[in-house]
Amino acid sequence: SQASAYNEETGEINWDCPCLGGMAHGPCGEDFKQAFSCFVTSEADPKGMDCVDYFQSMQECFKKHPEEYASELDEEEEE
């Protein structure tokens, strides 16, 4: 089975899962953890709509650390 960061049976998140690409570590790790935790437990429809604030905080953090998160930011236009 494919490695998953979230174990639905236990509700635990494996922050060291390679599938997260190291996002849980580094300067924006806490922002990422909040957003990801919110998303995987979201009951909203569409899923994650109740987590928008967390994702915005995470994106703001990425922009403050472009050297760490270039691959996350390259989808946006470069200034």
PDB file of N, CA and C in Angstrom:
ATOM      1  N   SER A   1       0.838  -1.197   0.000  1.00  0.00           N
ATOM      2  CA  SER A   1       0.000   0.000   0.000  1.00  0.00           C
ATOM      3  C   SER A   1       0.873   1.247   0.000  1.00  0.00           C
ATOM      4  N   GLN A   2       0.337   2.296  -0.543  1.00  0.00           N
ATOM      5  CA  GLN A   2       1.076   3.549  -0.645  1.00  0.00           C
ATOM      6  C   GLN A   2       1.246   4.171   0.739  1.00  0.00           C
ATOM      7  N   ALA A   3       2.418   4.704   1.012  1.00  0.00           N
ATOM      8  CA  ALA A   3       2.665   5.341   2.296  1.00  0.00           C
ATOM      9  C   ALA A   3       1.761   6.560   2.445  1.00  0.00           C
ATOM     10  N   SER A   4       1.170   6.662   3.601  1.00  0.00           N
ATOM     11  CA  SER A   4       0.283   7.791   3.860  1.00  0.00           C
ATOM     12  C   SER A   4       0.725   8.465   5.144  1.00  0.00           C
ATOM     13  N   ALA A   5       0.626   9.783   5.164  1.00  0.00           N
ATOM     14  CA  ALA A   5       1.020  10.513   6.358  1.00  0.00           C
ATOM     15  C   ALA A   5      -0.050  10.406   7.435  1.00  0.00           C
ATOM     16  N   TYR A   6      -1.280  10.117   7.026  1.00  0.00           N
ATOM     17  CA  TYR A   6      -2.382  10.116   7.984  1.00  0.00           C
ATOM     18  C   TYR A   6      -2.938   8.713   8.164  1.00  0.00           C
ATOM     19  N   ASN A   7      -2.988   8.270   9.400  1.00  0.00           N
ATOM     20  CA  ASN A   7      -3.544   6.965   9.721  1.00  0.00           C
ATOM     21  C   ASN A   7      -4.977   7.167  10.201  1.00  0.00           C
ATOM     22  N   GLU A   8      -5.936   6.817   9.361  1.00  0.00           N
ATOM     23  CA  GLU A   8      -7.335   7.049   9.709  1.00  0.00           C
ATOM     24  C   GLU A   8      -7.779   6.237  10.912  1.00  0.00           C
ATOM     25  N   GLU A   9      -7.175   5.070  11.109  1.00  0.00           N
ATOM     26  CA  GLU A   9      -7.564   4.225  12.238  1.00  0.00           C
ATOM     27  C   GLU A   9      -7.173   4.845  13.572  1.00  0.00           C
ATOM     28  N   THR A  10      -5.980   5.410  13.634  1.00  0.00           N
ATOM     29  CA  THR A  10      -5.489   5.962  14.896  1.00  0.00           C
ATOM     30  C   THR A  10      -5.650   7.480  14.966  1.00  0.00           C
ATOM     31  N   GLY A  11      -5.852   8.110  13.816  1.00  0.00           N
ATOM     32  CA  GLY A  11      -5.941   9.563  13.786  1.00  0.00           C
ATOM     33  C   GLY A  11      -4.588  10.232  13.922  1.00  0.00           C
ATOM     34  N   GLU A  12      -3.539   9.439  13.835  1.00  0.00           N
ATOM     35  CA  GLU A  12      -2.195   9.997  13.984  1.00  0.00           C
ATOM     36  C   GLU A  12      -1.618  10.397  12.641  1.00  0.00           C
ATOM     37  N   ILE A  13      -0.759  11.408  12.686  1.00  0.00           N
ATOM     38  CA  ILE A  13      -0.087  11.880  11.483  1.00  0.00           C
ATOM     39  C   ILE A  13       1.399  11.608  11.632  1.00  0.00           C
ATOM     40  N   ASN A  14       1.971  10.978  10.623  1.00  0.00           N
ATOM     41  CA  ASN A  14       3.409  10.707  10.608  1.00  0.00           C
ATOM     42  C   ASN A  14       4.109  11.858   9.897  1.00  0.00           C
ATOM     43  N   TRP A  15       4.627  12.796  10.668  1.00  0.00           N
ATOM     44  CA  TRP A  15       5.251  13.989  10.085  1.00  0.00           C
ATOM     45  C   TRP A  15       6.542  13.677   9.353  1.00  0.00           C
ATOM     46  N   ASP A  16       7.097  12.478   9.565  1.00  0.00           N
ATOM     47  CA  ASP A  16       8.334  12.094   8.887  1.00  0.00           C
ATOM     48  C   ASP A  16       8.083  11.310   7.606  1.00  0.00           C
ATOM     49  N   CYS A  17       6.818  11.135   7.236  1.00  0.00           N
ATOM     50  CA  CYS A  17       6.503  10.407   6.006  1.00  0.00           C
ATOM     51  C   CYS A  17       7.157  11.099   4.809  1.00  0.00           C
ATOM     52  N   PRO A  18       7.903  10.333   3.977  1.00  0.00           N
ATOM     53  CA  PRO A  18       8.521  10.937   2.786  1.00  0.00           C
ATOM     54  C   PRO A  18       7.492  11.592   1.864  1.00  0.00           C
ATOM     55  N   CYS A  19       6.245  11.135   1.957  1.00  0.00           N
ATOM     56  CA  CYS A  19       5.196  11.682   1.092  1.00  0.00           C
ATOM     57  C   CYS A  19       4.927  13.157   1.381  1.00  0.00           C
ATOM     58  N   LEU A  20       5.366  13.640   2.537  1.00  0.00           N
ATOM     59  CA  LEU A  20       5.170  15.057   2.866  1.00  0.00           C
ATOM     60  C   LEU A  20       6.325  15.924   2.376  1.00  0.00           C
ATOM     61  N   GLY A  21       7.345  15.289   1.840  1.00  0.00           N
ATOM     62  CA  GLY A  21       8.449  16.051   1.259  1.00  0.00           C
ATOM     63  C   GLY A  21       9.164  16.964   2.228  1.00  0.00           C
ATOM     64  N   GLY A  22       9.174  16.605   3.507  1.00  0.00           N
ATOM     65  CA  GLY A  22       9.880  17.426   4.491  1.00  0.00           C
ATOM     66  C   GLY A  22       9.149  18.703   4.872  1.00  0.00           C
ATOM     67  N   MET A  23       7.906  18.833   4.412  1.00  0.00           N
ATOM     68  CA  MET A  23       7.156  20.062   4.664  1.00  0.00           C
ATOM     69  C   MET A  23       6.889  20.310   6.145  1.00  0.00           C
ATOM     70  N   ALA A  24       6.846  19.257   6.946  1.00  0.00           N
ATOM     71  CA  ALA A  24       6.544  19.411   8.367  1.00  0.00           C
ATOM     72  C   ALA A  24       7.732  19.951   9.154  1.00  0.00           C
ATOM     73  N   HIS A  25       8.876  20.038   8.493  1.00  0.00           N
ATOM     74  CA  HIS A  25      10.089  20.537   9.143  1.00  0.00           C
ATOM     75  C   HIS A  25      10.470  21.851   8.463  1.00  0.00           C
ATOM     76  N   GLY A  26      11.429  22.552   9.044  1.00  0.00           N
ATOM     77  CA  GLY A  26      11.817  23.823   8.444  1.00  0.00           C
ATOM     78  C   GLY A  26      11.038  24.983   9.030  1.00  0.00           C
ATOM     79  N   PRO A  27      11.280  26.184   8.518  1.00  0.00           N
ATOM     80  CA  PRO A  27      10.721  27.394   9.124  1.00  0.00           C
ATOM     81  C   PRO A  27       9.200  27.461   9.111  1.00  0.00           C
ATOM     82  N   CYS A  28       8.546  26.773   8.194  1.00  0.00           N
ATOM     83  CA  CYS A  28       7.080  26.836   8.124  1.00  0.00           C
ATOM     84  C   CYS A  28       6.433  25.531   8.571  1.00  0.00           C
ATOM     85  N   GLY A  29       7.203  24.707   9.248  1.00  0.00           N
ATOM     86  CA  GLY A  29       6.707  23.404   9.667  1.00  0.00           C
ATOM     87  C   GLY A  29       5.438  23.471  10.499  1.00  0.00           C
ATOM     88  N   GLU A  30       5.408  24.413  11.460  1.00  0.00           N
ATOM     89  CA  GLU A  30       4.227  24.500  12.321  1.00  0.00           C
ATOM     90  C   GLU A  30       2.998  24.941  11.532  1.00  0.00           C
ATOM     91  N   ASP A  31       3.179  25.886  10.613  1.00  0.00           N
ATOM     92  CA  ASP A  31       2.060  26.333   9.768  1.00  0.00           C
ATOM     93  C   ASP A  31       1.554  25.178   8.917  1.00  0.00           C
ATOM     94  N   PHE A  32       2.488  24.404   8.367  1.00  0.00           N
ATOM     95  CA  PHE A  32       2.103  23.259   7.551  1.00  0.00           C
ATOM     96  C   PHE A  32       1.342  22.236   8.383  1.00  0.00           C
ATOM     97  N   LYS A  33       1.841  21.956   9.579  1.00  0.00           N
ATOM     98  CA  LYS A  33       1.198  20.962  10.439  1.00  0.00           C
ATOM     99  C   LYS A  33      -0.238  21.363  10.766  1.00  0.00           C
ATOM    100  N   GLN A  34      -0.448  22.633  11.069  1.00  0.00           N
ATOM    101  CA  GLN A  34      -1.804  23.093  11.378  1.00  0.00           C
ATOM    102  C   GLN A  34      -2.718  22.924  10.177  1.00  0.00           C
ATOM    103  N   ALA A  35      -2.244  23.323   9.010  1.00  0.00           N
ATOM    104  CA  ALA A  35      -3.063  23.245   7.804  1.00  0.00           C
ATOM    105  C   ALA A  35      -3.357  21.786   7.438  1.00  0.00           C
ATOM    106  N   PHE A  36      -2.324  20.944   7.489  1.00  0.00           N
ATOM    107  CA  PHE A  36      -2.497  19.539   7.118  1.00  0.00           C
ATOM    108  C   PHE A  36      -3.402  18.814   8.115  1.00  0.00           C
ATOM    109  N   SER A  37      -3.182  19.072   9.403  1.00  0.00           N
ATOM    110  CA  SER A  37      -4.010  18.442  10.432  1.00  0.00           C
ATOM    111  C   SER A  37      -5.465  18.822  10.245  1.00  0.00           C
ATOM    112  N   CYS A  38      -5.690  20.093   9.993  1.00  0.00           N
ATOM    113  CA  CYS A  38      -7.046  20.583   9.770  1.00  0.00           C
ATOM    114  C   CYS A  38      -7.666  19.886   8.562  1.00  0.00           C
ATOM    115  N   PHE A  39      -6.893  19.806   7.484  1.00  0.00           N
ATOM    116  CA  PHE A  39      -7.426  19.227   6.250  1.00  0.00           C
ATOM    117  C   PHE A  39      -7.801  17.758   6.418  1.00  0.00           C
ATOM    118  N   VAL A  40      -6.928  16.959   7.004  1.00  0.00           N
ATOM    119  CA  VAL A  40      -7.204  15.515   7.083  1.00  0.00           C
ATOM    120  C   VAL A  40      -8.371  15.205   8.007  1.00  0.00           C
ATOM    121  N   THR A  41      -8.674  16.098   8.940  1.00  0.00           N
ATOM    122  CA  THR A  41      -9.798  15.850   9.842  1.00  0.00           C
ATOM    123  C   THR A  41     -11.033  16.664   9.455  1.00  0.00           C
ATOM    124  N   SER A  42     -10.937  17.389   8.347  1.00  0.00           N
ATOM    125  CA  SER A  42     -12.029  18.268   7.924  1.00  0.00           C
ATOM    126  C   SER A  42     -13.303  17.483   7.606  1.00  0.00           C
ATOM    127  N   GLU A  43     -14.414  18.023   8.103  1.00  0.00           N
ATOM    128  CA  GLU A  43     -15.723  17.440   7.805  1.00  0.00           C
ATOM    129  C   GLU A  43     -16.468  18.327   6.803  1.00  0.00           C
ATOM    130  N   ALA A  44     -15.822  19.414   6.413  1.00  0.00           N
ATOM    131  CA  ALA A  44     -16.467  20.392   5.541  1.00  0.00           C
ATOM    132  C   ALA A  44     -16.669  19.845   4.128  1.00  0.00           C
ATOM    133  N   ASP A  45     -17.538  20.521   3.385  1.00  0.00           N
ATOM    134  CA  ASP A  45     -17.802  20.145   1.996  1.00  0.00           C
ATOM    135  C   ASP A  45     -17.735  21.413   1.163  1.00  0.00           C
ATOM    136  N   PRO A  46     -16.779  21.573   0.243  1.00  0.00           N
ATOM    137  CA  PRO A  46     -15.709  20.604  -0.041  1.00  0.00           C
ATOM    138  C   PRO A  46     -14.690  20.511   1.092  1.00  0.00           C
ATOM    139  N   LYS A  47     -14.056  19.354   1.172  1.00  0.00           N
ATOM    140  CA  LYS A  47     -13.088  19.083   2.240  1.00  0.00           C
ATOM    141  C   LYS A  47     -12.037  20.184   2.309  1.00  0.00           C
ATOM    142  N   GLY A  48     -11.778  20.638   3.517  1.00  0.00           N
ATOM    143  CA  GLY A  48     -10.735  21.626   3.732  1.00  0.00           C
ATOM    144  C   GLY A  48     -11.200  23.069   3.683  1.00  0.00           C
ATOM    145  N   MET A  49     -12.461  23.302   3.349  1.00  0.00           N
ATOM    146  CA  MET A  49     -12.946  24.683   3.271  1.00  0.00           C
ATOM    147  C   MET A  49     -12.851  25.392   4.619  1.00  0.00           C
ATOM    148  N   ASP A  50     -12.893  24.624   5.694  1.00  0.00           N
ATOM    149  CA  ASP A  50     -12.787  25.213   7.029  1.00  0.00           C
ATOM    150  C   ASP A  50     -11.330  25.431   7.452  1.00  0.00           C
ATOM    151  N   CYS A  51     -10.397  25.173   6.551  1.00  0.00           N
ATOM    152  CA  CYS A  51      -8.971  25.281   6.868  1.00  0.00           C
ATOM    153  C   CYS A  51      -8.282  26.399   6.087  1.00  0.00           C
ATOM    154  N   VAL A  52      -9.059  27.204   5.390  1.00  0.00           N
ATOM    155  CA  VAL A  52      -8.491  28.225   4.503  1.00  0.00           C
ATOM    156  C   VAL A  52      -7.513  29.141   5.231  1.00  0.00           C
ATOM    157  N   ASP A  53      -7.859  29.550   6.449  1.00  0.00           N
ATOM    158  CA  ASP A  53      -6.976  30.452   7.189  1.00  0.00           C
ATOM    159  C   ASP A  53      -5.611  29.823   7.444  1.00  0.00           C
ATOM    160  N   TYR A  54      -5.611  28.530   7.766  1.00  0.00           N
ATOM    161  CA  TYR A  54      -4.339  27.840   8.002  1.00  0.00           C
ATOM    162  C   TYR A  54      -3.496  27.787   6.735  1.00  0.00           C
ATOM    163  N   PHE A  55      -4.151  27.510   5.603  1.00  0.00           N
ATOM    164  CA  PHE A  55      -3.403  27.435   4.347  1.00  0.00           C
ATOM    165  C   PHE A  55      -2.879  28.810   3.939  1.00  0.00           C
ATOM    166  N   GLN A  56      -3.642  29.856   4.222  1.00  0.00           N
ATOM    167  CA  GLN A  56      -3.155  31.204   3.910  1.00  0.00           C
ATOM    168  C   GLN A  56      -1.937  31.544   4.754  1.00  0.00           C
ATOM    169  N   SER A  57      -1.974  31.173   6.029  1.00  0.00           N
ATOM    170  CA  SER A  57      -0.814  31.409   6.901  1.00  0.00           C
ATOM    171  C   SER A  57       0.408  30.659   6.382  1.00  0.00           C
ATOM    172  N   MET A  58       0.185  29.433   5.948  1.00  0.00           N
ATOM    173  CA  MET A  58       1.273  28.618   5.427  1.00  0.00           C
ATOM    174  C   MET A  58       1.864  29.263   4.174  1.00  0.00           C
ATOM    175  N   GLN A  59       1.010  29.719   3.266  1.00  0.00           N
ATOM    176  CA  GLN A  59       1.486  30.373   2.041  1.00  0.00           C
ATOM    177  C   GLN A  59       2.270  31.645   2.366  1.00  0.00           C
ATOM    178  N   GLU A  60       1.785  32.411   3.341  1.00  0.00           N
ATOM    179  CA  GLU A  60       2.499  33.626   3.741  1.00  0.00           C
ATOM    180  C   GLU A  60       3.897  33.267   4.241  1.00  0.00           C
ATOM    181  N   CYS A  61       3.965  32.190   5.020  1.00  0.00           N
ATOM    182  CA  CYS A  61       5.263  31.753   5.536  1.00  0.00           C
ATOM    183  C   CYS A  61       6.174  31.321   4.390  1.00  0.00           C
ATOM    184  N   PHE A  62       5.633  30.570   3.418  1.00  0.00           N
ATOM    185  CA  PHE A  62       6.437  30.148   2.267  1.00  0.00           C
ATOM    186  C   PHE A  62       7.045  31.361   1.574  1.00  0.00           C
ATOM    187  N   LYS A  63       6.262  32.409   1.428  1.00  0.00           N
ATOM    188  CA  LYS A  63       6.737  33.609   0.722  1.00  0.00           C
ATOM    189  C   LYS A  63       7.854  34.304   1.489  1.00  0.00           C
ATOM    190  N   LYS A  64       7.875  34.143   2.815  1.00  0.00           N
ATOM    191  CA  LYS A  64       8.925  34.747   3.629  1.00  0.00           C
ATOM    192  C   LYS A  64      10.216  33.943   3.563  1.00  0.00           C
ATOM    193  N   HIS A  65      10.107  32.689   3.096  1.00  0.00           N
ATOM    194  CA  HIS A  65      11.272  31.797   3.036  1.00  0.00           C
ATOM    195  C   HIS A  65      11.384  31.164   1.653  1.00  0.00           C
ATOM    196  N   PRO A  66      11.520  31.994   0.616  1.00  0.00           N
ATOM    197  CA  PRO A  66      11.511  31.447  -0.752  1.00  0.00           C
ATOM    198  C   PRO A  66      12.641  30.466  -1.031  1.00  0.00           C
ATOM    199  N   GLU A  67      13.756  30.623  -0.333  1.00  0.00           N
ATOM    200  CA  GLU A  67      14.884  29.723  -0.571  1.00  0.00           C
ATOM    201  C   GLU A  67      14.562  28.300  -0.097  1.00  0.00           C
ATOM    202  N   GLU A  68      13.743  28.193   0.934  1.00  0.00           N
ATOM    203  CA  GLU A  68      13.363  26.880   1.477  1.00  0.00           C
ATOM    204  C   GLU A  68      12.213  26.257   0.688  1.00  0.00           C
ATOM    205  N   TYR A  69      11.331  27.109   0.174  1.00  0.00           N
ATOM    206  CA  TYR A  69      10.080  26.616  -0.387  1.00  0.00           C
ATOM    207  C   TYR A  69       9.876  26.972  -1.846  1.00  0.00           C
ATOM    208  N   ALA A  70      10.981  27.125  -2.577  1.00  0.00           N
ATOM    209  CA  ALA A  70      10.890  27.504  -3.989  1.00  0.00           C
ATOM    210  C   ALA A  70       9.971  26.573  -4.767  1.00  0.00           C
ATOM    211  N   SER A  71      10.046  25.278  -4.489  1.00  0.00           N
ATOM    212  CA  SER A  71       9.233  24.326  -5.248  1.00  0.00           C
ATOM    213  C   SER A  71       7.747  24.482  -4.948  1.00  0.00           C
ATOM    214  N   GLU A  72       7.414  25.024  -3.768  1.00  0.00           N
ATOM    215  CA  GLU A  72       6.007  25.237  -3.425  1.00  0.00           C
ATOM    216  C   GLU A  72       5.489  26.537  -4.041  1.00  0.00           C
ATOM    217  N   LEU A  73       6.407  27.444  -4.337  1.00  0.00           N
ATOM    218  CA  LEU A  73       6.009  28.760  -4.827  1.00  0.00           C
ATOM    219  C   LEU A  73       6.089  28.891  -6.338  1.00  0.00           C
ATOM    220  N   ASP A  74       6.744  27.948  -7.013  1.00  0.00           N
ATOM    221  CA  ASP A  74       6.978  28.125  -8.449  1.00  0.00           C
ATOM    222  C   ASP A  74       5.702  28.051  -9.282  1.00  0.00           C
ATOM    223  N   GLU A  75       4.587  27.671  -8.650  1.00  0.00           N
ATOM    224  CA  GLU A  75       3.319  27.659  -9.380  1.00  0.00           C
ATOM    225  C   GLU A  75       2.799  29.082  -9.585  1.00  0.00           C
ATOM    226  N   GLU A  76       3.242  29.988  -8.698  1.00  0.00           N
ATOM    227  CA  GLU A  76       2.791  31.368  -8.787  1.00  0.00           C
ATOM    228  C   GLU A  76       3.718  32.149  -9.713  1.00  0.00           C
ATOM    229  N   GLU A  77       3.205  33.275 -10.191  1.00  0.00           N
ATOM    230  CA  GLU A  77       4.020  34.106 -11.075  1.00  0.00           C
ATOM    231  C   GLU A  77       5.217  34.649 -10.313  1.00  0.00           C
ATOM    232  N   GLU A  78       6.348  34.705 -10.988  1.00  0.00           N
ATOM    233  CA  GLU A  78       7.522  35.274 -10.349  1.00  0.00           C
ATOM    234  C   GLU A  78       7.508  36.774 -10.550  1.00  0.00           C
ATOM    235  N   GLU A  79       7.927  37.484  -9.492  1.00  0.00           N
ATOM    236  CA  GLU A  79       7.903  38.946  -9.578  1.00  0.00           C
ATOM    237  C   GLU A  79       9.196  39.475 -10.141  1.00  0.00           C
TER     238      GLU A  79
END
